Amino acid sequence: MEKLAAGIGQIRNRLRFAPVAHSASCCALCNDTGIKVTTDANGRTVASPCPVCDAIGRARERRQYEAARIPRIPPNVNITDVSKQYVDNFKRLPQGANWILFSGRAGSGKTTNASWIASEIIARYHKPVRFYSAYELTRRLATSKRHEDRDALIEEVTTTPFIVLDDFLKVFPRPSSFQYNDFFEATLEILWGRYDARMPLCITTQRDFRSIAEFDAALAGRIVETCSGRIVNFGENSTNWRLVNDKG
């Protein structure tokens, strides 16, 4: 029995899905353990992944990817050690210190690293993820006409287990614009909502940190606090992977 238990443990560690809650009381094959135990022709006990749970888990993961709207991850790109460590430690990150920020010029790898993190959180931890264009999300909030729509969007942004805000402050109304105050308040509502809920967040931006501080000093301070050393600047000399891989 000890060998069987050890074998089941090894299989669990290799599986890319968690035990699945079925519509029925339990899975007839594995009793909701994710492991099917059978006896071979020689009378030996054999443990293998449950095909029913595997199919359900894969379907769930596919739905999560579709809902997340994660951009394509190009081949042969550099995933930073900070990104890998963030994913490895995701479930152990302390609340209030679970953000990560990537800054750098276009094509330096910010969005790619954010996309990789989002994909891995779905694959490893089976958590719902949303990938937002920071401008589009802010615009939707700032121009929403119905309170119900606005409240539903804030609920989604605040409670989703992991979200990415891509290209933060890349497009923003000028301070002299009549739209500025609405966009400014919507932006703070998004970020303060995640901060107050102590929920993990990934931000990508082409702005340097001084620009973020000029936008709102209190927000910049909270980003430093919640990123806890996970502010990655790709530098001005970083390679634009789109230009390097352009076959035209």
Protein backbone atom coordinates (compact mmCIF):
# COMPACT_ATOMS: atom_id res chain seq x y z
CA MET A 1 0.00 0.00 0.00
CA GLU A 2 2.88 2.37 0.74
CA LYS A 3 4.26 1.84 -2.78
CA LEU A 4 0.81 2.43 -4.23
CA ALA A 5 0.41 5.63 -2.23
CA ALA A 6 3.84 6.82 -3.37
CA GLY A 7 2.97 6.00 -6.99
CA ILE A 8 -0.28 7.93 -6.77
CA GLY A 9 1.57 10.86 -5.27
CA GLN A 10 4.04 10.91 -8.17
CA ILE A 11 1.22 10.83 -10.70
CA ARG A 12 -0.53 13.70 -8.94
CA ASN A 13 2.63 15.79 -9.16
CA ARG A 14 2.87 15.21 -12.91
CA LEU A 15 -0.75 16.02 -13.70
CA ARG A 16 -1.63 19.46 -15.04
CA PHE A 17 -5.13 19.42 -13.58
CA ALA A 18 -6.60 19.39 -10.11
CA PRO A 19 -9.32 17.02 -8.86
CA VAL A 20 -12.54 18.11 -10.54
CA ALA A 21 -15.93 18.75 -8.99
CA HIS A 22 -18.43 16.81 -11.10
CA SER A 23 -22.10 17.45 -11.64
CA ALA A 24 -22.78 14.05 -10.06
CA SER A 25 -21.81 13.29 -6.48
CA CYS A 26 -18.49 11.81 -7.60
CA CYS A 27 -16.62 10.38 -10.56
CA ALA A 28 -17.45 6.68 -10.95
CA LEU A 29 -13.92 5.90 -12.13
CA CYS A 30 -11.80 7.72 -9.54
CA ASN A 31 -14.13 8.91 -6.78
CA ASP A 32 -13.03 12.50 -7.54
CA THR A 33 -9.36 11.79 -6.78
CA GLY A 34 -8.18 12.28 -10.38
CA ILE A 35 -6.45 8.86 -10.19
CA LYS A 36 -7.86 5.64 -11.65
CA VAL A 37 -6.65 2.51 -9.82
CA THR A 38 -6.90 -0.83 -11.68
CA THR A 39 -5.39 -4.30 -11.54
CA ASP A 40 -3.38 -5.65 -14.49
CA ALA A 41 -3.29 -9.22 -15.83
CA ASN A 42 -0.58 -10.16 -13.32
CA GLY A 43 -2.62 -8.96 -10.37
CA ARG A 44 -0.54 -5.84 -9.83
CA THR A 45 -2.20 -2.59 -8.82
CA VAL A 46 -1.78 0.16 -11.44
CA ALA A 47 -2.52 3.86 -10.91
CA SER A 48 -3.12 6.13 -13.92
CA PRO A 49 -4.73 9.50 -14.65
CA CYS A 50 -8.51 9.33 -14.73
CA PRO A 51 -9.57 9.91 -18.38
CA VAL A 52 -12.92 11.41 -17.35
CA CYS A 53 -11.37 13.98 -15.02
CA ASP A 54 -8.61 14.67 -17.56
CA ALA A 55 -11.19 15.52 -20.23
CA ILE A 56 -13.13 17.75 -17.84
CA GLY A 57 -9.94 19.47 -16.68
CA ARG A 58 -8.79 20.12 -20.24
CA ALA A 59 -12.18 21.55 -21.20
CA ARG A 60 -12.13 23.82 -18.17
CA GLU A 61 -8.61 25.00 -18.97
CA ARG A 62 -9.62 25.72 -22.58
CA ARG A 63 -12.57 27.83 -21.41
CA GLN A 64 -10.31 29.74 -19.02
CA TYR A 65 -7.84 30.52 -21.84
CA GLU A 66 -10.64 31.72 -24.10
CA ALA A 67 -12.07 33.97 -21.39
CA ALA A 68 -8.65 35.38 -20.47
CA ARG A 69 -7.90 36.69 -24.01
CA ILE A 70 -4.15 36.31 -23.56
CA PRO A 71 -2.07 37.53 -26.54
CA ARG A 72 -0.01 35.09 -28.57
CA ILE A 73 3.33 34.22 -26.97
CA PRO A 74 6.03 34.33 -29.67
CA PRO A 75 8.64 31.56 -29.81
CA ASN A 76 12.23 31.96 -28.64
CA VAL A 77 11.60 34.87 -26.30
CA ASN A 78 13.31 35.54 -23.02
CA ILE A 79 11.21 34.82 -19.95
CA THR A 80 12.85 36.58 -17.03
CA ASP A 81 13.87 34.79 -13.85
CA VAL A 82 11.61 37.21 -11.96
CA SER A 83 8.64 35.98 -14.03
CA LYS A 84 9.50 32.34 -13.36
CA GLN A 85 9.93 32.95 -9.64
CA TYR A 86 6.65 34.87 -9.52
CA VAL A 87 4.75 31.92 -11.00
CA ASP A 88 6.58 29.34 -8.89
CA ASN A 89 5.73 31.23 -5.70
CA PHE A 90 2.30 32.47 -6.79
CA LYS A 91 0.30 30.62 -4.14
CA ARG A 92 2.78 31.60 -1.44
CA LEU A 93 2.96 35.31 -2.23
CA PRO A 94 1.85 37.35 0.78
CA GLN A 95 -1.33 39.35 0.37
CA GLY A 96 -0.43 42.99 -0.18
CA ALA A 97 2.91 42.07 -1.79
CA ASN A 98 1.77 40.14 -4.86
CA TRP A 99 2.09 42.56 -7.79
CA ILE A 100 4.66 42.60 -10.60
CA LEU A 101 5.51 45.41 -13.05
CA PHE A 102 7.36 45.32 -16.38
CA SER A 103 8.59 48.55 -17.97
CA GLY A 104 10.48 49.17 -21.20
CA ARG A 105 10.11 50.27 -24.77
CA ALA A 106 7.86 48.58 -27.34
CA GLY A 107 8.91 45.06 -28.26
CA SER A 108 11.20 44.59 -25.27
CA GLY A 109 9.26 41.64 -23.85
CA LYS A 110 6.89 43.23 -21.33
CA THR A 111 3.65 41.88 -22.75
CA THR A 112 5.25 38.53 -23.58
CA ASN A 113 6.35 38.01 -19.98
CA ALA A 114 2.93 39.10 -18.71
CA SER A 115 1.24 36.70 -21.17
CA TRP A 116 3.49 33.85 -20.09
CA ILE A 117 2.70 34.48 -16.41
CA ALA A 118 -1.05 34.60 -17.12
CA SER A 119 -0.90 31.36 -19.14
CA GLU A 120 1.08 29.57 -16.46
CA ILE A 121 -1.32 30.63 -13.71
CA ILE A 122 -4.15 29.02 -15.66
CA ALA A 123 -2.14 25.88 -16.45
CA ARG A 124 -0.60 25.34 -13.03
CA TYR A 125 -3.14 26.78 -10.63
CA HIS A 126 -6.39 26.68 -12.64
CA LYS A 127 -7.23 30.23 -11.65
CA PRO A 128 -9.44 32.51 -13.78
CA VAL A 129 -7.36 35.21 -15.47
CA ARG A 130 -8.21 38.37 -17.43
CA PHE A 131 -5.82 40.18 -19.77
CA TYR A 132 -6.83 43.82 -20.31
CA SER A 133 -5.60 46.65 -22.43
CA ALA A 134 -5.24 49.29 -19.71
CA TYR A 135 -6.59 51.99 -22.04
CA GLU A 136 -9.63 49.99 -23.18
CA LEU A 137 -10.51 48.97 -19.64
CA THR A 138 -10.18 52.54 -18.37
CA ARG A 139 -12.19 53.88 -21.32
CA ARG A 140 -14.99 51.38 -20.67
CA LEU A 141 -15.21 52.51 -17.06
CA ALA A 142 -14.86 56.21 -17.80
CA THR A 143 -17.54 56.23 -20.52
CA SER A 144 -19.96 53.67 -19.05
CA LYS A 145 -23.54 55.01 -19.17
CA ARG A 146 -25.23 52.42 -16.96
CA HIS A 147 -24.37 51.94 -13.30
CA GLU A 148 -25.10 48.21 -13.60
CA ASP A 149 -22.51 47.76 -16.36
CA ARG A 150 -19.94 49.78 -14.48
CA ASP A 151 -20.50 47.89 -11.24
CA ALA A 152 -20.25 44.54 -13.03
CA LEU A 153 -16.95 45.53 -14.65
CA ILE A 154 -15.50 46.78 -11.35
CA GLU A 155 -16.59 43.51 -9.73
CA GLU A 156 -14.80 41.52 -12.44
CA VAL A 157 -11.64 43.62 -12.21
CA THR A 158 -11.56 43.50 -8.42
CA THR A 159 -12.37 39.84 -7.81
CA THR A 160 -10.73 37.94 -10.70
CA PRO A 161 -7.87 35.93 -9.12
CA PHE A 162 -5.26 37.37 -11.51
CA ILE A 163 -5.36 40.19 -14.06
CA VAL A 164 -2.91 41.91 -16.40
CA LEU A 165 -3.09 45.64 -17.20
CA ASP A 166 -1.17 45.96 -20.45
CA ASP A 167 0.39 49.25 -21.64
CA PHE A 168 -0.53 51.24 -18.55
CA LEU A 169 -0.57 55.01 -19.30
CA LYS A 170 0.45 54.46 -22.93
CA VAL A 171 -2.65 56.30 -24.15
CA PHE A 172 -4.19 58.79 -21.76
CA PRO A 173 -6.06 62.09 -22.19
CA ARG A 174 -4.04 65.25 -21.65
CA PRO A 175 -4.58 66.97 -18.30
CA SER A 176 -6.23 69.85 -20.17
CA SER A 177 -8.75 67.48 -21.79
CA PHE A 178 -12.32 67.34 -20.49
CA GLN A 179 -11.93 63.53 -20.36
CA TYR A 180 -8.92 63.59 -18.08
CA ASN A 181 -10.69 63.55 -14.71
CA ASP A 182 -12.98 60.68 -15.71
CA PHE A 183 -10.05 58.59 -16.97
CA PHE A 184 -7.94 59.49 -13.95
CA GLU A 185 -10.66 58.44 -11.50
CA ALA A 186 -11.36 55.21 -13.42
CA THR A 187 -7.66 54.31 -13.41
CA LEU A 188 -7.35 54.83 -9.68
CA GLU A 189 -10.57 52.90 -9.07
CA ILE A 190 -9.11 49.88 -10.89
CA LEU A 191 -5.75 49.93 -9.12
CA TRP A 192 -7.02 50.91 -5.68
CA GLY A 193 -9.67 48.20 -6.00
CA ARG A 194 -7.02 45.54 -6.53
CA TYR A 195 -4.87 47.05 -3.80
CA ASP A 196 -7.67 47.17 -1.24
CA ALA A 197 -8.73 43.61 -2.11
CA ARG A 198 -5.05 42.54 -1.84
CA MET A 199 -5.35 40.73 -5.17
CA PRO A 200 -2.39 39.90 -7.47
CA LEU A 201 -1.80 42.07 -10.52
CA CYS A 202 0.67 42.40 -13.40
CA ILE A 203 1.26 45.82 -14.98
CA THR A 204 3.16 46.52 -18.18
CA THR A 205 4.09 50.06 -19.20
CA GLN A 206 6.34 51.98 -21.55
CA ARG A 207 6.55 54.78 -18.99
CA ASP A 208 9.46 55.04 -16.57
CA PHE A 209 8.77 55.03 -12.86
CA ARG A 210 9.23 58.80 -12.60
CA SER A 211 6.31 59.26 -15.01
CA ILE A 212 4.12 57.00 -12.87
CA ALA A 213 5.06 59.02 -9.79
CA GLU A 214 4.16 62.23 -11.62
CA PHE A 215 0.81 60.72 -12.59
CA ASP A 216 0.03 59.93 -8.94
CA ALA A 217 2.67 59.76 -6.22
CA ALA A 218 0.50 57.74 -3.83
CA LEU A 219 -0.14 55.13 -6.51
CA ALA A 220 3.58 54.90 -7.31
CA GLY A 221 4.25 54.26 -3.63
CA ARG A 222 1.68 51.48 -3.51
CA ILE A 223 3.20 49.87 -6.61
CA VAL A 224 6.61 49.80 -4.94
CA GLU A 225 5.03 48.35 -1.80
CA THR A 226 3.01 45.63 -3.51
CA CYS A 227 5.64 44.64 -6.10
CA SER A 228 8.14 43.99 -3.30
CA GLY A 229 11.19 44.09 -5.59
CA ARG A 230 9.42 42.72 -8.69
CA ILE A 231 9.78 45.85 -10.85
CA VAL A 232 11.56 44.74 -14.03
CA ASN A 233 12.96 47.40 -16.38
CA PHE A 234 14.05 45.99 -19.73
CA GLY A 235 16.21 49.04 -20.44
CA GLU A 236 16.55 51.38 -23.38
CA ASN A 237 18.90 49.02 -25.23
CA SER A 238 16.54 46.04 -25.15
CA THR A 239 15.91 44.28 -28.47
CA ASN A 240 12.58 44.74 -30.23
CA TRP A 241 11.69 41.11 -30.93
CA ARG A 242 9.15 42.08 -33.62
CA LEU A 243 11.83 43.80 -35.71
CA VAL A 244 14.36 41.02 -35.15
CA ASN A 245 11.84 38.33 -36.18
CA ASP A 246 10.38 40.27 -39.08
CA LYS A 247 10.83 38.03 -42.13
CA GLY A 248 9.67 40.70 -44.53
